[in-house]
Protein backbone atom coordinates (compact mmCIF):
# COMPACT_ATOMS: atom_id res chain seq x y z
CA MET A 1 0.00 0.00 0.00
CA ALA A 2 2.85 2.42 0.77
CA GLU A 3 4.27 2.02 -2.74
CA LEU A 4 0.87 2.67 -4.24
CA ARG A 5 0.51 5.87 -2.22
CA VAL A 6 3.95 7.04 -3.34
CA ALA A 7 2.92 6.44 -6.96
CA ILE A 8 -0.33 8.36 -6.46
CA ASP A 9 1.55 11.24 -4.81
CA ALA A 10 3.92 11.38 -7.80
CA LEU A 11 0.97 11.54 -10.20
CA ASP A 12 -0.59 14.30 -8.10
CA GLN A 13 2.63 16.31 -8.45
CA GLU A 14 2.50 15.89 -12.23
CA LEU A 15 -1.15 16.92 -12.30
CA VAL A 16 -0.41 20.05 -10.27
CA THR A 17 2.34 21.00 -12.72
CA LEU A 18 0.01 20.48 -15.69
CA LEU A 19 -2.80 22.43 -14.04
CA ALA A 20 -0.41 25.30 -13.35
CA ARG A 21 0.45 25.37 -17.07
CA ARG A 22 -3.27 25.34 -17.91
CA GLN A 23 -3.82 28.22 -15.50
CA ALA A 24 -1.09 30.24 -17.21
CA TYR A 25 -2.92 29.78 -20.53
CA ILE A 26 -6.16 30.90 -18.89
CA GLU A 27 -4.43 34.03 -17.61
CA ARG A 28 -3.02 34.72 -21.07
CA ALA A 29 -6.50 34.34 -22.57
CA ALA A 30 -7.79 36.96 -20.14
CA ILE A 31 -5.17 39.38 -21.40
CA LEU A 32 -5.97 38.71 -25.05
CA LYS A 33 -9.75 39.01 -24.76
CA HIS A 34 -11.21 42.47 -25.22
CA ASP A 35 -14.73 41.69 -23.99
CA ARG A 36 -15.44 40.21 -20.55
CA GLY A 37 -18.53 38.59 -22.02
CA THR A 38 -16.40 36.30 -24.14
CA VAL A 39 -14.78 34.66 -21.13
CA ARG A 40 -17.67 32.21 -20.73
CA ASP A 41 -18.30 30.39 -24.00
CA GLN A 42 -20.75 27.54 -23.41
CA ALA A 43 -20.19 26.07 -26.87
CA ARG A 44 -16.47 25.88 -26.11
CA VAL A 45 -17.17 24.28 -22.72
CA GLU A 46 -19.25 21.54 -24.34
CA ASP A 47 -16.62 21.03 -27.06
CA VAL A 48 -13.89 20.58 -24.44
CA ILE A 49 -16.06 18.14 -22.46
CA ALA A 50 -16.84 16.12 -25.59
CA LYS A 51 -13.14 15.89 -26.48
CA VAL A 52 -12.21 14.93 -22.92
CA LEU A 53 -14.80 12.17 -22.86
CA VAL A 54 -13.41 10.70 -26.08
CA GLN A 55 -9.89 10.83 -24.65
CA ALA A 56 -11.09 9.41 -21.33
CA ARG A 57 -12.77 6.49 -23.03
CA ALA A 58 -9.61 5.75 -25.04
CA ALA A 59 -7.46 5.93 -21.91
CA GLY A 60 -9.77 3.80 -19.79
CA LEU A 61 -10.88 6.67 -17.54
CA SER A 62 -14.47 6.47 -16.37
CA ALA A 63 -16.72 9.19 -17.77
CA ASP A 64 -18.23 9.32 -14.27
CA ILE A 65 -14.87 10.65 -13.09
CA ALA A 66 -13.77 12.61 -16.15
CA GLU A 67 -16.88 14.67 -16.80
CA PRO A 68 -17.45 16.14 -13.32
CA VAL A 69 -13.72 16.73 -12.85
CA TRP A 70 -13.48 18.67 -16.11
CA ARG A 71 -16.70 20.57 -15.57
CA THR A 72 -15.37 21.70 -12.19
CA LEU A 73 -11.97 22.51 -13.70
CA ILE A 74 -13.58 24.54 -16.47
CA GLU A 75 -15.91 26.42 -14.13
CA GLN A 76 -13.08 27.31 -11.76
CA SER A 77 -10.93 28.30 -14.74
CA ILE A 78 -13.66 30.61 -15.99
CA GLN A 79 -13.88 32.23 -12.55
CA HIS A 80 -10.10 32.64 -12.49
CA GLU A 81 -10.13 34.12 -15.98
CA LEU A 82 -12.87 36.59 -15.02
CA GLU A 83 -10.77 37.70 -12.05
CA ALA A 84 -7.70 38.03 -14.27
CA PHE A 85 -9.74 39.96 -16.84
CA ASP A 86 -10.94 42.37 -14.15
CA ARG A 87 -7.36 42.99 -12.96
CA LYS A 88 -6.06 44.10 -16.34
């Protein structure tokens, strides 16, 4: 069990690094957008979710895990982008 926990911790570190990169892209998007109303794009949200579900299926990740995780990630990213937009 200890080895398994070490492996999970290592994956968590990789995920944090990837999420930090994703956040940097979100912050860049806030700088590039000229209209706060374009931050939330529901069509884009659904496109991302659809792509993630295809990738999840191919990788053996349950849609019951993938979809709510990405919906939460996207929603929090939108909130972060709105805050970044308001700071510029």
